[in-house]
């Protein structure tokens, strides 16, 4: 698994500016004010930094802007990076400034002179999030395609209180590792990340104290998860449900339940998808990937909360055993579903796992995540996940957490009127409601499998799980969206207070 680059904190030593190799970064304000490290770098480089700050090139520079002086005189470093950042910059801009340092593509070690500024840990967090690459299947990774050797090989953050910065960064490092785990899972091709291989990777969380249990097809049949099993019956890969329990809270406290859709590849089944773009359906397990990454983050930082993560792992393939349009399947709850479109399979997976989560764990709240509908991309693009909920307090808490972590999320409506679109002539419901309000009817379908007393959120992450262009905190490809927001929600709402 990819981990964030090695980052360590050391006491400020201005003499290192002359001898450090690789890259050296100093910080200046948008007004061009230099701190002690920047002034020392300016003297070493015979005024090169001052000339930059006085130039038209620097004029109007905002937080996060990065300038590079190559082979600065008087320094051993190959590059002097000048990062623009105000002393009172908000957390989001501090993190983005750290991420800017990770976009450099030479793979050299980095010495970042942070001095006595506030939020040093957030600066390092941005660096850790953005310094990601997925090149395990490349014989000779290159920089040319934008997915090669990006970011420093390691980073030393020099500051006035390194022990304090290290303590502040420890939980953020855990979250960054969770984000990277999610990205790794979503980026993997389906011939590598089969349902069995996915389950095996999740078993590794046991080393962190997570209790991991794998339910095989026989057990799923005994439990009555026929809707889930029907999705995977056309695949050679066995359907599985993995249950991950983190017990960091009070012994008798009801857990938060996170449920993820884990369709490791989605052809659409008999309702076959068009060939164009089908290769991206390796990301249809994105919801399960976010659940896995969140569980890793919580375990690494030893969250004082009880959280259970459940993922339904299936593959939706068309063969002689595959379910057909017109089939009727019975869910674990007991409701029957007429399958109108086998490409609306994610809700069939989720409905059984959600019911099982409530039946077994009696959770304090339930959140499901899925790359569920193309309709949510039509509505919200790639900037926001769709948020559906039956509980205003829980929903508002999540939206607040998402805003704090700069992860786009937008609440969408639910309502009984949409149930009319799910009526079936021969079963309790259909699995699709037609093209109008497609993301909403999908959520309305899932709502039928939420017990009345359970606060619930459905997150449709189809537009945010994978991007074709890079973003502030991730290169193009899997984003890891949701791990940061869910981790903050746990901290804000579900952790025990000392």
Protein backbone atom coordinates (compact mmCIF):
# COMPACT_ATOMS: atom_id res chain seq x y z
CA UNK A 1 0.00 0.00 0.00
CA UNK A 2 1.17 3.53 -0.77
CA UNK A 3 1.87 5.59 2.33
CA UNK A 4 2.39 9.34 2.54
CA UNK A 5 5.97 10.41 2.00
CA UNK A 6 8.24 10.36 5.07
CA UNK A 7 7.81 13.66 6.90
CA UNK A 8 9.69 14.56 10.04
CA UNK A 9 9.95 17.70 12.10
CA UNK A 10 13.25 19.18 13.28
CA UNK A 11 14.31 22.31 15.10
CA UNK A 12 15.07 25.31 12.93
CA UNK A 13 18.73 25.57 11.97
CA UNK A 14 19.38 28.39 9.54
CA UNK A 15 22.88 27.11 8.79
CA UNK A 16 21.32 24.15 6.95
CA UNK A 17 20.10 26.50 4.23
CA UNK A 18 23.59 26.58 2.76
CA UNK A 19 24.28 22.83 2.89
CA UNK A 20 20.92 21.13 2.31
CA UNK A 21 20.70 19.24 -0.98
CA UNK A 22 17.67 18.63 -3.16
CA UNK A 23 15.08 21.37 -2.68
CA UNK A 24 14.83 24.05 -0.01
CA UNK A 25 11.58 25.94 0.55
CA UNK A 26 11.11 29.20 2.41
CA UNK A 27 7.93 31.13 3.13
CA UNK A 28 7.14 34.77 2.36
CA UNK A 29 3.93 36.74 2.88
CA UNK A 30 1.79 37.95 -0.04
CA UNK A 31 3.19 41.43 0.69
CA UNK A 32 6.72 40.11 0.23
CA UNK A 33 7.77 40.10 3.87
CA UNK A 34 10.56 37.63 4.61
CA UNK A 35 10.94 35.61 7.80
CA UNK A 36 14.44 34.83 9.20
CA UNK A 37 14.88 31.77 6.97
CA UNK A 38 13.89 33.71 3.85
CA UNK A 39 16.26 36.54 4.78
CA UNK A 40 19.11 34.06 5.23
CA UNK A 41 18.29 32.45 1.86
CA UNK A 42 18.28 35.91 0.29
CA UNK A 43 21.76 36.67 1.65
CA UNK A 44 23.10 33.30 0.52
CA UNK A 45 21.67 33.78 -2.97
CA UNK A 46 23.13 37.31 -3.18
CA UNK A 47 19.75 39.04 -3.23
CA UNK A 48 18.01 36.74 -5.73
CA UNK A 49 14.97 36.35 -3.47
CA UNK A 50 14.63 40.11 -2.95
CA UNK A 51 14.80 40.64 -6.69
CA UNK A 52 11.99 38.11 -7.16
CA UNK A 53 9.81 39.81 -4.57
CA UNK A 54 10.35 43.20 -6.21
CA UNK A 55 9.52 41.94 -9.70
CA UNK A 56 6.28 42.11 -11.64
CA UNK A 57 6.32 38.32 -11.57
CA UNK A 58 5.63 38.36 -7.83
CA UNK A 59 3.12 41.21 -7.82
CA UNK A 60 -0.33 40.07 -6.72
CA UNK A 61 0.82 36.64 -5.55
CA UNK A 62 -1.76 34.94 -3.35
CA UNK A 63 -1.59 32.26 -0.68
CA UNK A 64 -0.31 29.00 -2.11
CA UNK A 65 1.55 30.50 -5.07
CA UNK A 66 4.94 28.86 -5.54
CA UNK A 67 8.00 30.33 -7.25
CA UNK A 68 11.21 28.40 -7.95
CA UNK A 69 14.75 29.73 -8.27
CA UNK A 70 16.90 27.03 -9.84
CA UNK A 71 20.48 26.43 -8.68
CA UNK A 72 20.58 29.40 -6.30
CA UNK A 73 24.00 30.91 -5.74
CA UNK A 74 25.58 30.20 -2.36
CA UNK A 75 23.44 27.13 -1.72
CA UNK A 76 23.99 23.42 -2.33
CA UNK A 77 20.33 22.90 -3.19
CA UNK A 78 19.22 22.40 -6.78
CA UNK A 79 16.22 24.66 -6.22
CA UNK A 80 15.02 27.34 -3.82
CA UNK A 81 11.21 27.22 -3.66
CA UNK A 82 9.48 30.36 -2.46
CA UNK A 83 6.03 29.65 -1.01
CA UNK A 84 3.61 32.52 -0.54
CA UNK A 85 1.58 32.24 2.65
CA UNK A 86 0.21 34.82 5.04
CA UNK A 87 0.83 34.26 8.78
CA UNK A 88 -2.94 34.29 9.45
CA UNK A 89 -4.00 32.23 6.42
CA UNK A 90 -7.01 29.95 7.07
CA UNK A 91 -6.48 26.21 7.48
CA UNK A 92 -7.73 25.36 3.98
CA UNK A 93 -5.22 27.72 2.36
CA UNK A 94 -2.37 26.49 4.56
CA UNK A 95 -3.07 22.92 3.48
CA UNK A 96 -3.27 23.93 -0.17
CA UNK A 97 0.06 25.71 0.18
CA UNK A 98 1.61 22.49 1.50
CA UNK A 99 0.05 20.63 -1.40
CA UNK A 100 1.65 23.05 -3.86
CA UNK A 101 5.08 21.79 -2.75
CA UNK A 102 4.02 18.24 -3.58
CA UNK A 103 3.17 19.07 -7.19
CA UNK A 104 6.86 19.45 -8.09
CA UNK A 105 8.02 16.51 -10.17
CA UNK A 106 11.69 15.91 -9.53
CA UNK A 107 11.43 13.47 -6.60
CA UNK A 108 14.18 15.21 -4.60
CA UNK A 109 14.28 15.53 -0.80
CA UNK A 110 12.72 18.72 0.55
CA UNK A 111 13.73 20.95 3.44
CA UNK A 112 10.81 23.24 4.33
CA UNK A 113 11.74 26.15 6.60
CA UNK A 114 8.47 26.77 8.45
CA UNK A 115 10.03 28.70 11.36
CA UNK A 116 7.63 29.84 14.08
CA UNK A 117 4.51 30.03 11.98
CA UNK A 118 1.19 28.60 13.14
CA UNK A 119 -0.42 25.49 11.68
CA UNK A 120 2.79 23.76 10.73
CA UNK A 121 0.98 20.41 10.95
CA UNK A 122 -1.62 21.55 8.43
CA UNK A 123 1.13 22.62 6.06
CA UNK A 124 2.61 19.13 6.31
CA UNK A 125 -0.85 17.57 5.91
CA UNK A 126 -1.38 19.26 2.57
CA UNK A 127 2.04 18.04 1.46
CA UNK A 128 1.25 14.47 2.58
CA UNK A 129 -2.13 14.39 0.83
CA UNK A 130 -0.87 15.65 -2.53
CA UNK A 131 2.38 13.65 -2.61
CA UNK A 132 0.73 10.54 -4.03
CA UNK A 133 1.51 8.36 -7.00
CA UNK A 134 0.07 5.11 -8.32
CA UNK A 135 2.73 3.53 -10.50
CA UNK A 136 2.89 -0.06 -9.25
CA UNK A 137 1.96 -1.37 -12.70
CA UNK A 138 4.48 0.74 -14.63
CA UNK A 139 7.80 -0.72 -15.70
CA UNK A 140 9.45 2.70 -15.90
CA UNK A 141 7.37 5.51 -14.39
CA UNK A 142 7.85 8.88 -16.05
CA UNK A 143 6.72 12.43 -15.42
CA UNK A 144 5.36 13.00 -18.90
CA UNK A 145 1.86 11.63 -18.32
CA UNK A 146 1.34 13.53 -15.07
CA UNK A 147 1.17 10.33 -13.06
CA UNK A 148 4.84 9.69 -12.53
CA UNK A 149 7.41 10.72 -9.94
CA UNK A 150 5.57 13.65 -8.46
CA UNK A 151 6.43 15.18 -5.12
CA UNK A 152 9.53 15.04 -2.91
CA UNK A 153 11.03 11.73 -1.88
CA UNK A 154 10.98 12.87 1.74
CA UNK A 155 10.44 16.08 3.65
CA UNK A 156 11.99 17.70 6.70
CA UNK A 157 9.91 20.48 8.20
CA UNK A 158 12.14 22.80 10.23
CA UNK A 159 10.20 24.74 12.88
CA UNK A 160 10.63 26.27 16.31
CA UNK A 161 8.57 23.65 18.18
CA UNK A 162 9.12 20.35 16.36
CA UNK A 163 7.80 18.12 19.14
CA UNK A 164 4.55 20.05 19.26
CA UNK A 165 4.26 19.99 15.48
CA UNK A 166 4.85 16.23 15.41
CA UNK A 167 2.11 15.67 18.00
CA UNK A 168 -0.31 17.85 16.03
CA UNK A 169 0.54 16.06 12.81
CA UNK A 170 0.16 12.49 14.13
CA UNK A 171 -3.65 12.25 13.67
CA UNK A 172 -3.39 14.04 10.32
CA UNK A 173 -0.76 11.55 9.17
CA UNK A 174 -3.25 8.79 10.04
CA UNK A 175 -5.92 10.43 7.91
CA UNK A 176 -3.49 10.86 5.02
CA UNK A 177 -2.72 7.14 5.18
CA UNK A 178 -6.44 6.41 5.05
CA UNK A 179 -6.85 8.66 2.02
CA UNK A 180 -3.94 6.95 0.27
CA UNK A 181 -5.42 3.51 1.02
CA UNK A 182 -8.71 4.57 -0.57
CA UNK A 183 -6.92 5.91 -3.64
CA UNK A 184 -4.91 2.70 -4.00
CA UNK A 185 -8.05 0.57 -3.89
CA UNK A 186 -9.99 2.74 -6.35
CA UNK A 187 -7.05 2.96 -8.78
CA UNK A 188 -6.43 -0.81 -8.89
CA UNK A 189 -7.56 -2.70 -12.01
CA UNK A 190 -10.27 -5.30 -11.52
CA UNK A 191 -8.07 -8.23 -12.52
CA UNK A 192 -5.88 -7.35 -9.52
CA UNK A 193 -8.50 -6.20 -7.05
CA UNK A 194 -10.94 -9.09 -7.23
CA UNK A 195 -13.52 -9.53 -4.50
CA UNK A 196 -11.20 -12.01 -2.80
CA UNK A 197 -8.13 -9.77 -3.09
CA UNK A 198 -10.15 -6.83 -1.73
CA UNK A 199 -11.21 -8.89 1.28
CA UNK A 200 -7.61 -10.00 1.83
CA UNK A 201 -6.42 -6.38 1.92
CA UNK A 202 -9.06 -5.54 4.49
CA UNK A 203 -7.94 -8.43 6.67
CA UNK A 204 -4.62 -6.61 7.04
CA UNK A 205 -6.40 -3.98 9.15
CA UNK A 206 -6.44 -6.54 11.95
CA UNK A 207 -2.81 -5.62 12.60
CA UNK A 208 -4.04 -2.16 13.64
CA UNK A 209 -6.62 -3.52 16.07
CA UNK A 210 -9.61 -3.66 13.74
CA UNK A 211 -11.72 -6.80 14.11
CA UNK A 212 -12.25 -8.14 10.58
CA UNK A 213 -14.78 -10.77 9.58
CA UNK A 214 -15.51 -12.08 6.08
CA UNK A 215 -18.94 -13.47 5.27
CA UNK A 216 -18.82 -15.87 2.32
CA UNK A 217 -21.58 -16.73 -0.12
CA UNK A 218 -22.86 -19.61 1.96
CA UNK A 219 -23.24 -17.36 5.00
CA UNK A 220 -24.81 -14.61 2.91
CA UNK A 221 -27.36 -17.11 1.64
CA UNK A 222 -28.17 -18.18 5.20
CA UNK A 223 -28.71 -14.54 6.13
CA UNK A 224 -31.05 -14.02 3.19
CA UNK A 225 -28.94 -11.49 1.25
CA UNK A 226 -30.44 -12.59 -2.03
CA UNK A 227 -30.46 -9.13 -3.60
CA UNK A 228 -26.69 -8.82 -3.13
CA UNK A 229 -26.03 -12.39 -4.25
CA UNK A 230 -28.10 -11.89 -7.39
CA UNK A 231 -25.78 -9.09 -8.53
CA UNK A 232 -22.68 -11.29 -8.36
CA UNK A 233 -24.11 -14.57 -9.59
CA UNK A 234 -22.80 -14.00 -13.12
CA UNK A 235 -19.19 -13.60 -11.98
CA UNK A 236 -16.47 -16.13 -11.26
CA UNK A 237 -15.43 -13.95 -8.31
CA UNK A 238 -17.36 -14.90 -5.17
CA UNK A 239 -19.56 -12.31 -3.51
CA UNK A 240 -18.48 -11.39 0.00
CA UNK A 241 -19.32 -9.01 2.81
CA UNK A 242 -16.48 -7.79 5.00
CA UNK A 243 -17.27 -6.48 8.49
CA UNK A 244 -14.67 -4.27 10.20
CA UNK A 245 -15.15 -3.22 13.81
CA UNK A 246 -13.16 -0.52 15.58
CA UNK A 247 -13.99 -0.50 19.27
CA UNK A 248 -12.36 2.64 20.62
CA UNK A 249 -15.33 3.99 22.54
CA UNK A 250 -17.35 2.93 25.55
CA UNK A 251 -18.11 -0.77 25.66
CA UNK A 252 -21.89 -0.34 25.57
CA UNK A 253 -22.00 2.63 23.15
CA UNK A 254 -23.83 1.97 19.87
CA UNK A 255 -21.48 2.29 16.90
CA UNK A 256 -21.59 4.48 13.85
CA UNK A 257 -22.11 2.16 10.88
CA UNK A 258 -20.43 2.91 7.54
CA UNK A 259 -21.63 0.84 4.57
CA UNK A 260 -19.85 0.85 1.21
CA UNK A 261 -20.76 -0.38 -2.24
CA UNK A 262 -17.93 -2.61 -3.45
CA UNK A 263 -18.65 -3.54 -7.07
CA UNK A 264 -15.10 -4.33 -8.15
CA UNK A 265 -16.12 -4.14 -11.80
CA UNK A 266 -19.44 -3.17 -13.33
CA UNK A 267 -20.20 -4.19 -16.89
CA UNK A 268 -23.84 -3.38 -16.31
CA UNK A 269 -24.63 -7.09 -16.45
CA UNK A 270 -27.13 -8.17 -19.07
CA UNK A 271 -28.10 -4.48 -19.37
CA UNK A 272 -24.61 -4.00 -20.77
CA UNK A 273 -22.96 -0.59 -20.56
CA UNK A 274 -21.57 1.08 -23.71
CA UNK A 275 -17.95 0.15 -24.37
CA UNK A 276 -16.71 3.74 -24.29
CA UNK A 277 -15.51 4.54 -20.78
CA UNK A 278 -16.28 1.11 -19.35
CA UNK A 279 -12.65 0.80 -18.28
CA UNK A 280 -13.40 3.33 -15.54
CA UNK A 281 -15.82 0.93 -13.91
CA UNK A 282 -12.92 -0.40 -11.87
CA UNK A 283 -13.84 2.52 -9.58
CA UNK A 284 -17.35 1.23 -8.87
CA UNK A 285 -16.09 -0.03 -5.53
CA UNK A 286 -15.33 3.55 -4.49
CA UNK A 287 -17.78 3.55 -1.60
CA UNK A 288 -16.17 0.45 -0.12
CA UNK A 289 -12.78 2.06 -0.67
CA UNK A 290 -13.77 5.11 1.37
CA UNK A 291 -15.10 2.93 4.18
CA UNK A 292 -11.82 0.98 4.22
CA UNK A 293 -9.68 4.12 4.24
CA UNK A 294 -11.75 5.66 7.01
CA UNK A 295 -11.42 2.55 9.16
CA UNK A 296 -7.64 2.64 8.65
CA UNK A 297 -7.48 6.30 9.64
CA UNK A 298 -9.57 5.75 12.77
CA UNK A 299 -7.46 2.79 13.84
CA UNK A 300 -4.14 4.54 13.20
CA UNK A 301 -5.10 7.55 15.30
CA UNK A 302 -6.85 5.33 17.87
CA UNK A 303 -10.15 7.16 17.66
CA UNK A 304 -12.16 7.06 20.89
CA UNK A 305 -15.31 5.91 19.14
CA UNK A 306 -17.08 2.73 18.12
CA UNK A 307 -17.32 2.46 14.35
CA UNK A 308 -18.23 -0.53 12.22
CA UNK A 309 -17.50 -0.60 8.50
CA UNK A 310 -19.31 -3.04 6.24
CA UNK A 311 -18.61 -3.47 2.52
CA UNK A 312 -20.47 -5.59 -0.01
CA UNK A 313 -17.96 -6.97 -2.53
CA UNK A 314 -19.38 -8.25 -5.82
CA UNK A 315 -18.67 -8.18 -9.54
CA UNK A 316 -21.44 -7.46 -12.03
CA UNK A 317 -20.80 -9.63 -15.09
CA UNK A 318 -23.03 -10.99 -17.90
CA UNK A 319 -22.90 -14.75 -18.31
CA UNK A 320 -25.40 -17.60 -18.45
CA UNK A 321 -26.03 -17.37 -14.71
CA UNK A 322 -26.39 -13.60 -14.51
CA UNK A 323 -29.63 -12.06 -13.31
CA UNK A 324 -31.90 -10.73 -16.04
CA UNK A 325 -34.14 -7.71 -16.47
CA UNK A 326 -37.53 -8.87 -15.24
CA UNK A 327 -36.17 -11.07 -12.45
CA UNK A 328 -37.65 -10.67 -8.97
CA UNK A 329 -35.31 -10.98 -5.99
CA UNK A 330 -36.09 -10.99 -2.29
CA UNK A 331 -33.96 -8.82 -0.02
CA UNK A 332 -32.75 -9.69 3.47
CA UNK A 333 -35.46 -7.40 4.82
CA UNK A 334 -38.04 -9.53 3.02
CA UNK A 335 -39.16 -7.00 0.42
CA UNK A 336 -39.20 -8.14 -3.20
CA UNK A 337 -37.56 -6.15 -5.98
CA UNK A 338 -38.32 -6.34 -9.70
CA UNK A 339 -35.03 -5.89 -11.55
CA UNK A 340 -35.77 -3.56 -14.45
CA UNK A 341 -32.14 -2.77 -15.21
CA UNK A 342 -29.24 -4.95 -14.09
CA UNK A 343 -26.98 -1.87 -14.30
CA UNK A 344 -28.78 -0.46 -11.24
CA UNK A 345 -27.03 -3.06 -9.13
CA UNK A 346 -25.39 -0.97 -6.42
CA UNK A 347 -28.65 -0.36 -4.58
CA UNK A 348 -29.28 -4.12 -4.52
CA UNK A 349 -25.92 -4.62 -2.83
CA UNK A 350 -26.41 -1.78 -0.38
CA UNK A 351 -29.95 -2.62 0.68
CA UNK A 352 -28.93 -6.01 2.07
CA UNK A 353 -25.77 -4.78 3.77
CA UNK A 354 -27.59 -1.80 5.28
CA UNK A 355 -30.31 -4.05 6.68
CA UNK A 356 -27.73 -6.45 8.08
CA UNK A 357 -25.82 -3.56 9.69
CA UNK A 358 -28.95 -2.35 11.47
CA UNK A 359 -30.14 -5.82 12.39
CA UNK A 360 -26.82 -6.86 13.94
CA UNK A 361 -25.29 -3.68 15.36
CA UNK A 362 -28.25 -1.39 16.17
CA UNK A 363 -26.11 1.59 15.17
CA UNK A 364 -26.37 5.11 16.52
CA UNK A 365 -26.32 6.28 12.89
CA UNK A 366 -25.89 4.77 9.45
CA UNK A 367 -24.00 6.26 6.51
CA UNK A 368 -23.76 4.52 3.16
CA UNK A 369 -21.42 5.50 0.34
CA UNK A 370 -21.64 4.48 -3.29
CA UNK A 371 -20.68 5.45 -6.81
CA UNK A 372 -24.36 4.96 -7.42
CA UNK A 373 -25.71 7.04 -10.29
CA UNK A 374 -24.62 8.94 -13.36
CA UNK A 375 -27.55 11.23 -12.60
CA UNK A 376 -25.71 12.79 -9.67
CA UNK A 377 -22.88 13.75 -12.04
CA UNK A 378 -25.39 15.43 -14.32
CA UNK A 379 -26.74 17.36 -11.35
CA UNK A 380 -23.58 18.22 -9.40
CA UNK A 381 -20.66 17.53 -11.72
CA UNK A 382 -17.37 16.48 -10.16
CA UNK A 383 -17.27 19.12 -7.44
CA UNK A 384 -19.84 17.79 -4.97
CA UNK A 385 -21.13 14.48 -3.70
CA UNK A 386 -24.89 14.14 -3.36
CA UNK A 387 -26.07 13.99 0.25
CA UNK A 388 -29.45 12.48 1.15
CA UNK A 389 -30.66 12.10 4.72
CA UNK A 390 -33.63 11.43 6.97
CA UNK A 391 -32.08 13.32 9.89
CA UNK A 392 -31.33 17.06 9.77
CA UNK A 393 -28.96 17.08 12.75
CA UNK A 394 -26.78 14.26 11.41
CA UNK A 395 -26.84 15.69 7.90
CA UNK A 396 -25.87 19.18 9.06
CA UNK A 397 -23.04 17.71 11.12
CA UNK A 398 -21.71 15.89 8.08
CA UNK A 399 -22.01 18.93 5.83
CA UNK A 400 -20.13 20.98 8.43
CA UNK A 401 -17.38 18.35 8.55
CA UNK A 402 -17.16 18.24 4.75
CA UNK A 403 -16.85 22.03 4.57
CA UNK A 404 -14.14 22.03 7.23
CA UNK A 405 -12.17 19.47 5.22
CA UNK A 406 -12.79 21.20 1.89
CA UNK A 407 -14.64 18.18 0.47
CA UNK A 408 -17.58 19.21 -1.68
CA UNK A 409 -21.00 17.94 -0.61
CA UNK A 410 -24.51 19.14 -1.41
CA UNK A 411 -27.78 18.07 0.17
CA UNK A 412 -30.42 16.70 -2.19
CA UNK A 413 -34.14 16.17 -1.54
CA UNK A 414 -36.12 13.09 -0.60
CA UNK A 415 -39.92 12.76 -0.61
CA UNK A 416 -42.82 10.35 -0.83
CA UNK A 417 -43.75 11.62 -4.27
CA UNK A 418 -40.66 9.90 -5.67
CA UNK A 419 -41.90 6.55 -4.36
CA UNK A 420 -44.50 6.55 -7.11
CA UNK A 421 -41.72 6.08 -9.64
CA UNK A 422 -40.58 2.87 -7.92
CA UNK A 423 -43.92 1.05 -8.01
CA UNK A 424 -43.83 -2.40 -9.60
CA UNK A 425 -46.70 -4.37 -11.10
CA UNK A 426 -45.38 -7.72 -9.82
CA UNK A 427 -43.14 -6.94 -6.81
CA UNK A 428 -42.91 -4.60 -3.83
CA UNK A 429 -40.78 -2.19 -5.83
CA UNK A 430 -38.66 -1.73 -8.95
CA UNK A 431 -34.92 -1.14 -8.76
CA UNK A 432 -35.11 1.95 -10.98
CA UNK A 433 -37.57 4.78 -11.37
CA UNK A 434 -36.69 5.97 -14.86
CA UNK A 435 -34.52 8.87 -16.02
CA UNK A 436 -36.22 11.73 -14.12
CA UNK A 437 -34.62 12.37 -10.71
CA UNK A 438 -32.48 9.26 -11.08
CA UNK A 439 -30.18 10.00 -8.13
CA UNK A 440 -33.15 10.84 -5.92
CA UNK A 441 -35.14 7.70 -6.74
CA UNK A 442 -32.00 5.65 -6.06
CA UNK A 443 -31.78 7.24 -2.62
CA UNK A 444 -35.51 6.79 -2.12
CA UNK A 445 -35.06 3.08 -2.87
CA UNK A 446 -32.35 2.83 -0.18
CA UNK A 447 -34.49 4.74 2.32
CA UNK A 448 -36.92 1.80 2.32
CA UNK A 449 -34.19 -0.25 3.97
CA UNK A 450 -33.56 2.19 6.81
CA UNK A 451 -35.37 1.54 10.06
CA UNK A 452 -37.46 4.51 11.16
CA UNK A 453 -35.40 5.14 14.29
CA UNK A 454 -32.02 5.08 12.54
CA UNK A 455 -30.46 8.43 11.56
CA UNK A 456 -29.16 7.87 8.03
CA UNK A 457 -27.13 9.55 5.30
CA UNK A 458 -26.68 8.29 1.75
CA UNK A 459 -23.66 9.69 -0.10
CA UNK A 460 -23.67 9.34 -3.88
CA UNK A 461 -19.99 9.80 -4.73
CA UNK A 462 -20.09 8.89 -8.43
CA UNK A 463 -18.80 12.33 -9.44
CA UNK A 464 -16.11 12.80 -6.81
CA UNK A 465 -14.45 9.39 -6.39
CA UNK A 466 -12.40 9.64 -9.61
CA UNK A 467 -11.35 12.67 -11.62
CA UNK A 468 -9.79 13.00 -15.06
CA UNK A 469 -7.82 16.07 -14.00
CA UNK A 470 -5.81 16.78 -10.89
CA UNK A 471 -7.17 18.73 -7.94
CA UNK A 472 -5.67 20.65 -5.03
CA UNK A 473 -4.94 17.52 -2.99
CA UNK A 474 -4.80 14.69 -5.53
CA UNK A 475 -3.34 13.92 -8.95
CA UNK A 476 -5.75 12.75 -11.63
CA UNK A 477 -7.40 9.45 -10.82
CA UNK A 478 -8.80 8.38 -7.48
CA UNK A 479 -9.30 11.25 -5.03
CA UNK A 480 -9.95 9.53 -1.70
CA UNK A 481 -12.93 11.87 -1.24
CA UNK A 482 -14.82 11.27 1.98
CA UNK A 483 -12.14 9.92 4.31
CA UNK A 484 -11.32 13.37 5.68
CA UNK A 485 -14.95 14.38 6.12
CA UNK A 486 -15.97 11.12 7.78
CA UNK A 487 -12.98 11.19 10.10
CA UNK A 488 -13.87 14.73 11.18
CA UNK A 489 -17.52 13.75 11.65
CA UNK A 490 -16.41 10.95 13.98
CA UNK A 491 -14.21 13.38 15.92
CA UNK A 492 -16.91 16.03 16.16
CA UNK A 493 -19.94 13.87 16.89
CA UNK A 494 -19.08 10.31 17.94
CA UNK A 495 -15.83 10.34 19.91
CA UNK A 496 -15.71 10.10 23.67
CA UNK A 497 -14.65 13.34 25.35
CA UNK A 498 -12.05 13.14 28.09
